[in-house]
Amino acid sequence: MFRHGPPRPPCCAGAPPTFPYPPPPYGTVPYFGAVAAVRPHPPPYPRAVQLQSVTAVNSDAELNLIASLLPHYTYVTVDTEYPGTVHRPAAGKRDSDLTADERYALLRANADELPIVQLGVTLCDEHGNLPVVVDYATGLHAERAWEFNFSDFDVASHRHAPQSVEFLRSQGIDFERARWCGVNSAAFADKLAAILAAPRANDRELTWVAFGGAYDMAYLVKMLGGGQPLPETREGFLARVRELLGGRVFDAKYMAEHCGRGDLRGVGLRSVAANLGVPRPIVEPPCLAGPKCLTACRIHTVLRMHVLPQDAVAGYEGIIDGLQ
């Protein structure tokens, strides 16, 4: 009955709820001073990044801010959290034993059945610089990234992998509160689709990035596709990604695995970041969509600017790790 969810209780009408990263005051506007100075060298990461928690209270404002930044920061890195996987390879088979089509069939079954929990979004420019946002209430400037908390998942009624849900709880997610105060994915998708359809300054093409991005792209396609089932075939899915997102798509995990460096092969996000000298967002970040997305953004920047030959980067376009 309610495409964008039922009416919300009073808890969402006042101060925003406390998620792992409480939102700061909302009087923020983009600061483009950093855009004018072209920095050809690796970004020095001089500021602590403000990781903005997004709930129903501030979703429209933060999406409007993202829309205003996209003409200048055209690299969009995403990461998702979801309630694990309930469809797995047949007994005796490992994921590495499956064909790309078999892996996609499992991805499709899981993403179609299980709702999204979180989406991390990090923007940067071609030099790896994150947007700097000035808060006129405090006068402070800070680099900004986002972590959207969704209301779709209900522990009591949705199938899920219990160990995955318990892990997310241990990292700070309050599933019960998210049900009441999180962002509805349909409302988010409507707003994002309008942003992507709007002409941008100079009509600059977006570049979408993920790390091990099969599920990340699957959930974006699912939301932007109105919650409809994913395409039946892997080829249809990849075509749908291009249709709905536009621009170019890169997977930093696949790029790391195939760049020729042995220390980047067969290891996860944190190890790739450490071996590339990518700084951690904070000393001990929770393993959630926001910090992981920020790390993935920096990994991709280092790979395309300092590890891979410039004429080789384009060869990784459209290849999603696990679906190649």
C-alpha atoms as a PDB file:
ATOM      1  CA  MET A   1       0.000   0.000   0.000  1.00  0.00           C
ATOM      2  CA  PHE A   2       2.777   2.391   0.907  1.00  0.00           C
ATOM      3  CA  ARG A   3       5.491   2.485  -1.777  1.00  0.00           C
ATOM      4  CA  HIS A   4       7.695   4.574   0.461  1.00  0.00           C
ATOM      5  CA  GLY A   5       6.791   2.799   3.685  1.00  0.00           C
ATOM      6  CA  PRO A   6       4.185   3.370   6.424  1.00  0.00           C
ATOM      7  CA  PRO A   7       3.918   6.629   8.386  1.00  0.00           C
ATOM      8  CA  ARG A   8       6.826   6.939  10.782  1.00  0.00           C
ATOM      9  CA  PRO A   9       6.505   7.307  14.557  1.00  0.00           C
ATOM     10  CA  PRO A  10       7.543  10.478  16.411  1.00  0.00           C
ATOM     11  CA  CYS A  11      11.104   9.170  16.954  1.00  0.00           C
ATOM     12  CA  CYS A  12      11.945  10.334  13.442  1.00  0.00           C
ATOM     13  CA  ALA A  13      10.365  13.767  13.713  1.00  0.00           C
ATOM     14  CA  GLY A  14      12.895  15.380  16.012  1.00  0.00           C
ATOM     15  CA  ALA A  15      16.608  14.849  16.439  1.00  0.00           C
ATOM     16  CA  PRO A  16      18.009  12.154  14.174  1.00  0.00           C
ATOM     17  CA  PRO A  17      18.632   8.765  15.783  1.00  0.00           C
ATOM     18  CA  THR A  18      22.120   7.741  16.750  1.00  0.00           C
ATOM     19  CA  PHE A  19      23.589   5.283  14.294  1.00  0.00           C
ATOM     20  CA  PRO A  20      27.286   4.365  14.266  1.00  0.00           C
ATOM     21  CA  TYR A  21      28.033   7.892  12.995  1.00  0.00           C
ATOM     22  CA  PRO A  22      25.609  10.535  14.305  1.00  0.00           C
ATOM     23  CA  PRO A  23      24.879  13.308  11.777  1.00  0.00           C
ATOM     24  CA  PRO A  24      26.290  16.793  12.414  1.00  0.00           C
ATOM     25  CA  PRO A  25      24.174  19.977  12.098  1.00  0.00           C
ATOM     26  CA  TYR A  26      22.413  20.151   8.728  1.00  0.00           C
ATOM     27  CA  GLY A  27      23.434  23.667   7.695  1.00  0.00           C
ATOM     28  CA  THR A  28      25.996  22.420   5.230  1.00  0.00           C
ATOM     29  CA  VAL A  29      26.820  23.528   1.714  1.00  0.00           C
ATOM     30  CA  PRO A  30      29.490  22.262  -0.653  1.00  0.00           C
ATOM     31  CA  TYR A  31      32.762  24.119  -0.632  1.00  0.00           C
ATOM     32  CA  PHE A  32      34.444  24.082  -4.031  1.00  0.00           C
ATOM     33  CA  GLY A  33      37.682  25.769  -3.066  1.00  0.00           C
ATOM     34  CA  ALA A  34      39.511  22.456  -3.477  1.00  0.00           C
ATOM     35  CA  VAL A  35      38.215  22.068  -7.012  1.00  0.00           C
ATOM     36  CA  ALA A  36      40.062  25.051  -8.401  1.00  0.00           C
ATOM     37  CA  ALA A  37      43.480  23.797  -7.336  1.00  0.00           C
ATOM     38  CA  VAL A  38      44.450  20.841  -9.492  1.00  0.00           C
ATOM     39  CA  ARG A  39      46.557  18.391  -7.520  1.00  0.00           C
ATOM     40  CA  PRO A  40      48.355  15.958  -9.836  1.00  0.00           C
ATOM     41  CA  HIS A  41      49.943  14.090  -6.912  1.00  0.00           C
ATOM     42  CA  PRO A  42      48.253  11.571  -4.611  1.00  0.00           C
ATOM     43  CA  PRO A  43      45.805  13.263  -2.237  1.00  0.00           C
ATOM     44  CA  PRO A  44      47.498  13.895   1.118  1.00  0.00           C
ATOM     45  CA  TYR A  45      44.333  13.102   3.157  1.00  0.00           C
ATOM     46  CA  PRO A  46      45.002  16.044   5.521  1.00  0.00           C
ATOM     47  CA  ARG A  47      41.564  16.085   7.156  1.00  0.00           C
ATOM     48  CA  ALA A  48      39.563  13.542   9.082  1.00  0.00           C
ATOM     49  CA  VAL A  49      36.678  12.520   6.833  1.00  0.00           C
ATOM     50  CA  GLN A  50      33.233  13.304   8.172  1.00  0.00           C
ATOM     51  CA  LEU A  51      31.264  10.114   7.584  1.00  0.00           C
ATOM     52  CA  GLN A  52      27.684  11.318   7.417  1.00  0.00           C
ATOM     53  CA  SER A  53      25.055   8.913   8.740  1.00  0.00           C
ATOM     54  CA  VAL A  54      21.872   9.205   6.669  1.00  0.00           C
ATOM     55  CA  THR A  55      18.401   8.316   7.970  1.00  0.00           C
ATOM     56  CA  ALA A  56      14.888   9.336   6.935  1.00  0.00           C
ATOM     57  CA  VAL A  57      15.413  12.674   8.702  1.00  0.00           C
ATOM     58  CA  ASN A  58      18.239  13.936   6.496  1.00  0.00           C
ATOM     59  CA  SER A  59      18.047  11.730   3.401  1.00  0.00           C
ATOM     60  CA  ASP A  60      16.641  14.395   1.048  1.00  0.00           C
ATOM     61  CA  ALA A  61      19.139  17.010   2.206  1.00  0.00           C
ATOM     62  CA  GLU A  62      22.123  14.722   1.787  1.00  0.00           C
ATOM     63  CA  LEU A  63      20.988  13.452  -1.620  1.00  0.00           C
ATOM     64  CA  ASN A  64      20.534  17.067  -2.736  1.00  0.00           C
ATOM     65  CA  LEU A  65      24.074  17.770  -1.565  1.00  0.00           C
ATOM     66  CA  ILE A  66      25.371  14.757  -3.488  1.00  0.00           C
ATOM     67  CA  ALA A  67      23.542  15.980  -6.601  1.00  0.00           C
ATOM     68  CA  SER A  68      25.216  19.391  -6.300  1.00  0.00           C
ATOM     69  CA  LEU A  69      28.642  17.759  -5.989  1.00  0.00           C
ATOM     70  CA  LEU A  70      28.425  15.286  -8.890  1.00  0.00           C
ATOM     71  CA  PRO A  71      29.396  17.795 -11.604  1.00  0.00           C
ATOM     72  CA  HIS A  72      32.749  18.254  -9.840  1.00  0.00           C
ATOM     73  CA  TYR A  73      33.242  14.813  -8.235  1.00  0.00           C
ATOM     74  CA  THR A  74      32.391  12.300 -10.921  1.00  0.00           C
ATOM     75  CA  TYR A  75      33.884   9.155  -9.362  1.00  0.00           C
ATOM     76  CA  VAL A  76      31.193   7.422  -7.273  1.00  0.00           C
ATOM     77  CA  THR A  77      32.316   4.531  -5.067  1.00  0.00           C
ATOM     78  CA  VAL A  78      29.661   2.349  -3.430  1.00  0.00           C
ATOM     79  CA  ASP A  79      29.595  -0.449  -0.872  1.00  0.00           C
ATOM     80  CA  THR A  80      26.625  -2.328   0.582  1.00  0.00           C
ATOM     81  CA  GLU A  81      25.717  -4.298   3.672  1.00  0.00           C
ATOM     82  CA  TYR A  82      22.967  -6.922   3.529  1.00  0.00           C
ATOM     83  CA  PRO A  83      21.797  -9.772   5.809  1.00  0.00           C
ATOM     84  CA  GLY A  84      24.254 -12.378   4.502  1.00  0.00           C
ATOM     85  CA  THR A  85      23.420 -15.065   1.961  1.00  0.00           C
ATOM     86  CA  VAL A  86      20.810 -17.811   2.251  1.00  0.00           C
ATOM     87  CA  HIS A  87      21.447 -19.378  -1.164  1.00  0.00           C
ATOM     88  CA  ARG A  88      24.871 -21.033  -1.390  1.00  0.00           C
ATOM     89  CA  PRO A  89      26.763 -23.441  -3.648  1.00  0.00           C
ATOM     90  CA  ALA A  90      25.690 -27.077  -3.572  1.00  0.00           C
ATOM     91  CA  ALA A  91      27.282 -29.294  -0.933  1.00  0.00           C
ATOM     92  CA  GLY A  92      30.886 -30.081  -1.749  1.00  0.00           C
ATOM     93  CA  LYS A  93      31.277 -27.098  -4.064  1.00  0.00           C
ATOM     94  CA  ARG A  94      33.154 -23.907  -3.325  1.00  0.00           C
ATOM     95  CA  ASP A  95      32.447 -20.560  -4.917  1.00  0.00           C
ATOM     96  CA  SER A  96      35.670 -20.861  -6.892  1.00  0.00           C
ATOM     97  CA  ASP A  97      34.344 -24.097  -8.463  1.00  0.00           C
ATOM     98  CA  LEU A  98      31.371 -22.317 -10.012  1.00  0.00           C
ATOM     99  CA  THR A  99      31.141 -20.799 -13.449  1.00  0.00           C
ATOM    100  CA  ALA A 100      30.436 -17.089 -13.783  1.00  0.00           C
ATOM    101  CA  ASP A 101      26.825 -17.893 -14.722  1.00  0.00           C
ATOM    102  CA  GLU A 102      26.409 -20.123 -11.663  1.00  0.00           C
ATOM    103  CA  ARG A 103      27.802 -17.408  -9.413  1.00  0.00           C
ATOM    104  CA  TYR A 104      25.389 -14.920 -10.916  1.00  0.00           C
ATOM    105  CA  ALA A 105      22.457 -17.307 -10.332  1.00  0.00           C
ATOM    106  CA  LEU A 106      23.312 -17.410  -6.605  1.00  0.00           C
ATOM    107  CA  LEU A 107      23.809 -13.630  -6.511  1.00  0.00           C
ATOM    108  CA  ARG A 108      20.437 -13.132  -8.146  1.00  0.00           C
ATOM    109  CA  ALA A 109      18.654 -15.488  -5.746  1.00  0.00           C
ATOM    110  CA  ASN A 110      20.148 -13.790  -2.695  1.00  0.00           C
ATOM    111  CA  ALA A 111      19.729 -10.173  -3.806  1.00  0.00           C
ATOM    112  CA  ASP A 112      16.140 -10.800  -4.965  1.00  0.00           C
ATOM    113  CA  GLU A 113      15.183 -12.280  -1.593  1.00  0.00           C
ATOM    114  CA  LEU A 114      17.163 -10.259   0.947  1.00  0.00           C
ATOM    115  CA  PRO A 115      16.763  -6.482   1.489  1.00  0.00           C
ATOM    116  CA  ILE A 116      19.607  -3.999   1.649  1.00  0.00           C
ATOM    117  CA  VAL A 117      20.792  -2.819   5.084  1.00  0.00           C
ATOM    118  CA  GLN A 118      23.329  -0.075   4.295  1.00  0.00           C
ATOM    119  CA  LEU A 119      24.844   1.755   1.347  1.00  0.00           C
ATOM    120  CA  GLY A 120      28.136   3.626   1.562  1.00  0.00           C
ATOM    121  CA  VAL A 121      28.770   6.406  -0.964  1.00  0.00           C
ATOM    122  CA  THR A 122      32.094   8.191  -1.502  1.00  0.00           C
ATOM    123  CA  LEU A 123      32.654  10.835  -4.179  1.00  0.00           C
ATOM    124  CA  CYS A 124      36.006  11.975  -5.501  1.00  0.00           C
ATOM    125  CA  ASP A 125      37.433  13.831  -8.479  1.00  0.00           C
ATOM    126  CA  GLU A 126      39.898  12.532 -11.064  1.00  0.00           C
ATOM    127  CA  HIS A 127      42.790  13.257  -8.683  1.00  0.00           C
ATOM    128  CA  GLY A 128      41.233  11.371  -5.768  1.00  0.00           C
ATOM    129  CA  ASN A 129      40.161  14.473  -3.831  1.00  0.00           C
ATOM    130  CA  LEU A 130      36.993  14.097  -1.769  1.00  0.00           C
ATOM    131  CA  PRO A 131      34.471  16.955  -1.616  1.00  0.00           C
ATOM    132  CA  VAL A 132      35.036  19.442   1.177  1.00  0.00           C
ATOM    133  CA  VAL A 133      31.847  20.609   2.854  1.00  0.00           C
ATOM    134  CA  VAL A 134      31.697  23.734   5.006  1.00  0.00           C
ATOM    135  CA  ASP A 135      29.315  23.786   7.951  1.00  0.00           C
ATOM    136  CA  TYR A 136      28.292  27.412   8.439  1.00  0.00           C
ATOM    137  CA  ALA A 137      27.008  26.636  11.929  1.00  0.00           C
ATOM    138  CA  THR A 138      30.549  25.873  13.081  1.00  0.00           C
ATOM    139  CA  GLY A 139      32.696  27.301  10.283  1.00  0.00           C
ATOM    140  CA  LEU A 140      34.501  23.974   9.978  1.00  0.00           C
ATOM    141  CA  HIS A 141      35.561  22.412   6.683  1.00  0.00           C
ATOM    142  CA  ALA A 142      35.629  18.622   6.371  1.00  0.00           C
ATOM    143  CA  GLU A 143      35.814  16.033   3.637  1.00  0.00           C
ATOM    144  CA  ARG A 144      32.481  14.248   3.391  1.00  0.00           C
ATOM    145  CA  ALA A 145      31.394  10.677   2.676  1.00  0.00           C
ATOM    146  CA  TRP A 146      28.017   9.039   3.353  1.00  0.00           C
ATOM    147  CA  GLU A 147      26.487   5.951   4.959  1.00  0.00           C
ATOM    148  CA  PHE A 148      22.777   5.388   4.187  1.00  0.00           C
ATOM    149  CA  ASN A 149      20.869   3.274   6.738  1.00  0.00           C
ATOM    150  CA  PHE A 150      17.801   1.565   5.244  1.00  0.00           C
ATOM    151  CA  SER A 151      14.525   0.543   6.871  1.00  0.00           C
ATOM    152  CA  ASP A 152      13.663  -2.392   4.597  1.00  0.00           C
ATOM    153  CA  PHE A 153      15.110  -5.311   6.575  1.00  0.00           C
ATOM    154  CA  ASP A 154      13.041  -6.855   9.383  1.00  0.00           C
ATOM    155  CA  VAL A 155      14.942  -9.442  11.426  1.00  0.00           C
ATOM    156  CA  ALA A 156      11.686 -11.054  12.542  1.00  0.00           C
ATOM    157  CA  SER A 157      10.167 -11.579   9.085  1.00  0.00           C
ATOM    158  CA  HIS A 158      12.976 -11.744   6.522  1.00  0.00           C
ATOM    159  CA  ARG A 159      15.169 -14.742   5.922  1.00  0.00           C
ATOM    160  CA  HIS A 160      18.790 -14.019   6.739  1.00  0.00           C
ATOM    161  CA  ALA A 161      22.108 -15.542   7.740  1.00  0.00           C
ATOM    162  CA  PRO A 162      22.108 -15.266  11.567  1.00  0.00           C
ATOM    163  CA  GLN A 163      25.889 -15.024  11.796  1.00  0.00           C
ATOM    164  CA  SER A 164      25.906 -12.125   9.328  1.00  0.00           C
ATOM    165  CA  VAL A 165      23.206 -10.250  11.229  1.00  0.00           C
ATOM    166  CA  GLU A 166      25.006 -10.780  14.529  1.00  0.00           C
ATOM    167  CA  PHE A 167      28.225  -9.501  12.996  1.00  0.00           C
ATOM    168  CA  LEU A 168      26.481  -6.346  11.773  1.00  0.00           C
ATOM    169  CA  ARG A 169      24.995  -5.875  15.249  1.00  0.00           C
ATOM    170  CA  SER A 170      28.480  -6.179  16.733  1.00  0.00           C
ATOM    171  CA  GLN A 171      29.615  -3.384  14.409  1.00  0.00           C
ATOM    172  CA  GLY A 172      26.928  -1.032  15.693  1.00  0.00           C
ATOM    173  CA  ILE A 173      23.816  -1.515  13.538  1.00  0.00           C
ATOM    174  CA  ASP A 174      20.538  -1.241  15.464  1.00  0.00           C
ATOM    175  CA  PHE A 175      18.138  -3.145  13.207  1.00  0.00           C
ATOM    176  CA  GLU A 176      15.049  -2.338  15.263  1.00  0.00           C
ATOM    177  CA  ARG A 177      15.684   1.394  15.184  1.00  0.00           C
ATOM    178  CA  ALA A 178      16.547   1.256  11.491  1.00  0.00           C
ATOM    179  CA  ARG A 179      13.093  -0.206  10.811  1.00  0.00           C
ATOM    180  CA  TRP A 180      11.498   2.985  12.147  1.00  0.00           C
ATOM    181  CA  CYS A 181      13.989   5.694  11.289  1.00  0.00           C
ATOM    182  CA  GLY A 182      15.966   4.385   8.325  1.00  0.00           C
ATOM    183  CA  VAL A 183      15.651   5.397   4.672  1.00  0.00           C
ATOM    184  CA  ASN A 184      13.098   3.513   2.604  1.00  0.00           C
ATOM    185  CA  SER A 185      14.890   2.066  -0.419  1.00  0.00           C
ATOM    186  CA  ALA A 186      12.051   2.939  -2.827  1.00  0.00           C
ATOM    187  CA  ALA A 187      12.148   6.603  -1.791  1.00  0.00           C
ATOM    188  CA  PHE A 188      15.942   6.571  -2.074  1.00  0.00           C
ATOM    189  CA  ALA A 189      15.767   5.010  -5.546  1.00  0.00           C
ATOM    190  CA  ASP A 190      13.234   7.568  -6.794  1.00  0.00           C
ATOM    191  CA  LYS A 191      15.462  10.425  -5.687  1.00  0.00           C
ATOM    192  CA  LEU A 192      18.663   8.848  -7.010  1.00  0.00           C
ATOM    193  CA  ALA A 193      17.057   8.063 -10.374  1.00  0.00           C
ATOM    194  CA  ALA A 194      15.997  11.714 -10.710  1.00  0.00           C
ATOM    195  CA  ILE A 195      19.539  12.840  -9.866  1.00  0.00           C
ATOM    196  CA  LEU A 196      21.070  10.502 -12.448  1.00  0.00           C
ATOM    197  CA  ALA A 197      18.567  11.586 -15.096  1.00  0.00           C
ATOM    198  CA  ALA A 198      19.200  15.303 -14.580  1.00  0.00           C
ATOM    199  CA  PRO A 199      21.755  16.955 -16.889  1.00  0.00           C
ATOM    200  CA  ARG A 200      24.987  17.752 -15.063  1.00  0.00           C
ATOM    201  CA  ALA A 201      27.305  20.672 -15.624  1.00  0.00           C
ATOM    202  CA  ASN A 202      29.396  19.990 -18.733  1.00  0.00           C
ATOM    203  CA  ASP A 203      27.557  16.630 -18.974  1.00  0.00           C
ATOM    204  CA  ARG A 204      30.543  14.860 -17.385  1.00  0.00           C
ATOM    205  CA  GLU A 205      30.328  11.073 -17.379  1.00  0.00           C
ATOM    206  CA  LEU A 206      30.157   9.332 -14.015  1.00  0.00           C
ATOM    207  CA  THR A 207      32.543   6.537 -13.078  1.00  0.00           C
ATOM    208  CA  TRP A 208      31.122   3.941 -10.665  1.00  0.00           C
ATOM    209  CA  VAL A 209      33.524   1.983  -8.471  1.00  0.00           C
ATOM    210  CA  ALA A 210      33.177  -0.921  -6.025  1.00  0.00           C
ATOM    211  CA  PHE A 211      35.473  -3.488  -4.423  1.00  0.00           C
ATOM    212  CA  GLY A 212      34.240  -7.008  -5.081  1.00  0.00           C
ATOM    213  CA  GLY A 213      31.207  -5.233  -6.449  1.00  0.00           C
ATOM    214  CA  ALA A 214      28.795  -7.932  -7.624  1.00  0.00           C
ATOM    215  CA  TYR A 215      26.387  -7.512  -4.709  1.00  0.00           C
ATOM    216  CA  ASP A 216      26.922  -3.753  -4.582  1.00  0.00           C
ATOM    217  CA  MET A 217      25.832  -3.390  -8.198  1.00  0.00           C
ATOM    218  CA  ALA A 218      23.035  -5.927  -7.711  1.00  0.00           C
ATOM    219  CA  TYR A 219      21.440  -3.912  -4.913  1.00  0.00           C
ATOM    220  CA  LEU A 220      21.766  -0.650  -6.851  1.00  0.00           C
ATOM    221  CA  VAL A 221      20.077  -2.285  -9.851  1.00  0.00           C
ATOM    222  CA  LYS A 222      17.395  -3.788  -7.606  1.00  0.00           C
ATOM    223  CA  MET A 223      16.565  -0.415  -6.020  1.00  0.00           C
ATOM    224  CA  LEU A 224      16.711   1.615  -9.226  1.00  0.00           C
ATOM    225  CA  GLY A 225      14.654  -1.073 -10.954  1.00  0.00           C
ATOM    226  CA  GLY A 226      11.781  -0.568  -8.509  1.00  0.00           C
ATOM    227  CA  GLY A 227      12.486  -3.740  -6.553  1.00  0.00           C
ATOM    228  CA  GLN A 228      11.815  -5.959  -9.556  1.00  0.00           C
ATOM    229  CA  PRO A 229      13.715  -9.284  -9.849  1.00  0.00           C
ATOM    230  CA  LEU A 230      17.164  -9.030 -11.341  1.00  0.00           C
ATOM    231  CA  PRO A 231      17.630 -10.071 -14.986  1.00  0.00           C
ATOM    232  CA  GLU A 232      17.730 -13.824 -15.511  1.00  0.00           C
ATOM    233  CA  THR A 233      21.097 -13.880 -17.235  1.00  0.00           C
ATOM    234  CA  ARG A 234      24.488 -12.473 -16.325  1.00  0.00           C
ATOM    235  CA  GLU A 235      24.673 -10.648 -19.659  1.00  0.00           C
ATOM    236  CA  GLY A 236      21.262  -9.119 -18.999  1.00  0.00           C
ATOM    237  CA  PHE A 237      22.395  -7.995 -15.566  1.00  0.00           C
ATOM    238  CA  LEU A 238      25.542  -6.295 -16.885  1.00  0.00           C
ATOM    239  CA  ALA A 239      23.462  -4.549 -19.539  1.00  0.00           C
ATOM    240  CA  ARG A 240      21.038  -3.404 -16.838  1.00  0.00           C
ATOM    241  CA  VAL A 241      23.905  -1.982 -14.778  1.00  0.00           C
ATOM    242  CA  ARG A 242      25.002   0.129 -17.754  1.00  0.00           C
ATOM    243  CA  GLU A 243      21.424   1.186 -18.508  1.00  0.00           C
ATOM    244  CA  LEU A 244      20.494   2.311 -14.992  1.00  0.00           C
ATOM    245  CA  LEU A 245      23.793   3.775 -13.818  1.00  0.00           C
ATOM    246  CA  GLY A 246      25.184   5.138 -17.056  1.00  0.00           C
ATOM    247  CA  GLY A 247      28.847   6.017 -17.257  1.00  0.00           C
ATOM    248  CA  ARG A 248      31.659   3.554 -16.607  1.00  0.00           C
ATOM    249  CA  VAL A 249      31.917   0.774 -14.014  1.00  0.00           C
ATOM    250  CA  PHE A 250      35.132  -0.494 -12.401  1.00  0.00           C
ATOM    251  CA  ASP A 251      35.824  -3.107  -9.747  1.00  0.00           C
ATOM    252  CA  ALA A 252      38.888  -2.242  -7.660  1.00  0.00           C
ATOM    253  CA  LYS A 253      39.218  -5.821  -6.392  1.00  0.00           C
ATOM    254  CA  TYR A 254      39.470  -7.177  -9.936  1.00  0.00           C
ATOM    255  CA  MET A 255      41.946  -4.414 -10.810  1.00  0.00           C
ATOM    256  CA  ALA A 256      44.099  -5.298  -7.770  1.00  0.00           C
ATOM    257  CA  GLU A 257      43.968  -9.029  -8.552  1.00  0.00           C
ATOM    258  CA  HIS A 258      45.123  -8.489 -12.133  1.00  0.00           C
ATOM    259  CA  CYS A 259      47.561  -5.572 -11.893  1.00  0.00           C
ATOM    260  CA  GLY A 260      50.631  -7.827 -11.672  1.00  0.00           C
ATOM    261  CA  ARG A 261      51.417  -7.343  -7.985  1.00  0.00           C
ATOM    262  CA  GLY A 262      51.464 -10.588  -6.028  1.00  0.00           C
ATOM    263  CA  ASP A 263      50.804  -8.874  -2.690  1.00  0.00           C
ATOM    264  CA  LEU A 264      47.420  -7.662  -3.979  1.00  0.00           C
ATOM    265  CA  ARG A 265      46.231 -11.073  -5.183  1.00  0.00           C
ATOM    266  CA  GLY A 266      43.955 -13.283  -3.106  1.00  0.00           C
ATOM    267  CA  VAL A 267      43.588 -10.849  -0.184  1.00  0.00           C
ATOM    268  CA  GLY A 268      40.729  -8.714   1.098  1.00  0.00           C
ATOM    269  CA  LEU A 269      39.980  -5.013   1.289  1.00  0.00           C
ATOM    270  CA  ARG A 270      42.071  -4.243   4.361  1.00  0.00           C
ATOM    271  CA  SER A 271      45.117  -6.134   3.132  1.00  0.00           C
ATOM    272  CA  VAL A 272      44.971  -4.496  -0.300  1.00  0.00           C
ATOM    273  CA  ALA A 273      44.708  -1.097   1.388  1.00  0.00           C
ATOM    274  CA  ALA A 274      47.628  -1.846   3.707  1.00  0.00           C
ATOM    275  CA  ASN A 275      49.832  -3.143   0.885  1.00  0.00           C
ATOM    276  CA  LEU A 276      49.099  -0.037  -1.184  1.00  0.00           C
ATOM    277  CA  GLY A 277      49.752   2.297   1.758  1.00  0.00           C
ATOM    278  CA  VAL A 278      46.151   3.513   1.800  1.00  0.00           C
ATOM    279  CA  PRO A 279      45.326   5.122   5.157  1.00  0.00           C
ATOM    280  CA  ARG A 280      42.512   3.719   7.273  1.00  0.00           C
ATOM    281  CA  PRO A 281      39.539   6.087   7.769  1.00  0.00           C
ATOM    282  CA  ILE A 282      39.928   6.021  11.550  1.00  0.00           C
ATOM    283  CA  VAL A 283      42.061   3.989  13.954  1.00  0.00           C
ATOM    284  CA  GLU A 284      39.633   1.100  14.365  1.00  0.00           C
ATOM    285  CA  PRO A 285      36.693   1.622  12.008  1.00  0.00           C
ATOM    286  CA  PRO A 286      33.657  -0.642  12.194  1.00  0.00           C
ATOM    287  CA  CYS A 287      33.377  -3.008   9.254  1.00  0.00           C
ATOM    288  CA  LEU A 288      30.388  -1.244   7.722  1.00  0.00           C
ATOM    289  CA  ALA A 289      29.470   0.274   4.371  1.00  0.00           C
ATOM    290  CA  GLY A 290      30.779   3.795   5.008  1.00  0.00           C
ATOM    291  CA  PRO A 291      34.377   3.024   6.062  1.00  0.00           C
ATOM    292  CA  LYS A 292      34.685   0.192   3.523  1.00  0.00           C
ATOM    293  CA  CYS A 293      33.444   2.448   0.732  1.00  0.00           C
ATOM    294  CA  LEU A 294      35.941   5.168   1.621  1.00  0.00           C
ATOM    295  CA  THR A 295      38.774   2.626   1.641  1.00  0.00           C
ATOM    296  CA  ALA A 296      37.651   1.197  -1.714  1.00  0.00           C
ATOM    297  CA  CYS A 297      37.629   4.708  -3.196  1.00  0.00           C
ATOM    298  CA  ARG A 298      41.228   5.302  -2.128  1.00  0.00           C
ATOM    299  CA  ILE A 299      42.346   1.877  -3.376  1.00  0.00           C
ATOM    300  CA  HIS A 300      40.879   2.607  -6.806  1.00  0.00           C
ATOM    301  CA  THR A 301      42.562   6.025  -6.907  1.00  0.00           C
ATOM    302  CA  VAL A 302      45.994   4.567  -6.139  1.00  0.00           C
ATOM    303  CA  LEU A 303      45.559   1.725  -8.630  1.00  0.00           C
ATOM    304  CA  ARG A 304      44.514   3.924 -11.557  1.00  0.00           C
ATOM    305  CA  MET A 305      46.963   6.750 -10.836  1.00  0.00           C
ATOM    306  CA  HIS A 306      50.089   4.990  -9.579  1.00  0.00           C
ATOM    307  CA  VAL A 307      49.996   1.218 -10.154  1.00  0.00           C
ATOM    308  CA  LEU A 308      48.403   0.579 -13.539  1.00  0.00           C
ATOM    309  CA  PRO A 309      49.713   2.150 -16.757  1.00  0.00           C
ATOM    310  CA  GLN A 310      47.350   4.897 -17.844  1.00  0.00           C
ATOM    311  CA  ASP A 311      46.659   3.215 -21.165  1.00  0.00           C
ATOM    312  CA  ALA A 312      45.707  -0.025 -19.367  1.00  0.00           C
ATOM    313  CA  VAL A 313      43.031   1.343 -17.014  1.00  0.00           C
ATOM    314  CA  ALA A 314      40.293   1.421 -19.647  1.00  0.00           C
ATOM    315  CA  GLY A 315      40.722  -2.315 -20.172  1.00  0.00           C
ATOM    316  CA  TYR A 316      39.161  -2.977 -16.751  1.00  0.00           C
ATOM    317  CA  GLU A 317      35.951  -1.126 -17.540  1.00  0.00           C
ATOM    318  CA  GLY A 318      32.772  -3.168 -17.107  1.00  0.00           C
ATOM    319  CA  ILE A 319      34.464  -6.142 -15.426  1.00  0.00           C
ATOM    320  CA  ILE A 320      32.865  -7.000 -12.063  1.00  0.00           C
ATOM    321  CA  ASP A 321      34.818  -9.352  -9.822  1.00  0.00           C
ATOM    322  CA  GLY A 322      33.221 -12.787  -9.686  1.00  0.00           C
ATOM    323  CA  LEU A 323      31.067 -12.242 -12.766  1.00  0.00           C
ATOM    324  CA  GLN A 324      33.806 -12.163 -15.388  1.00  0.00           C
END
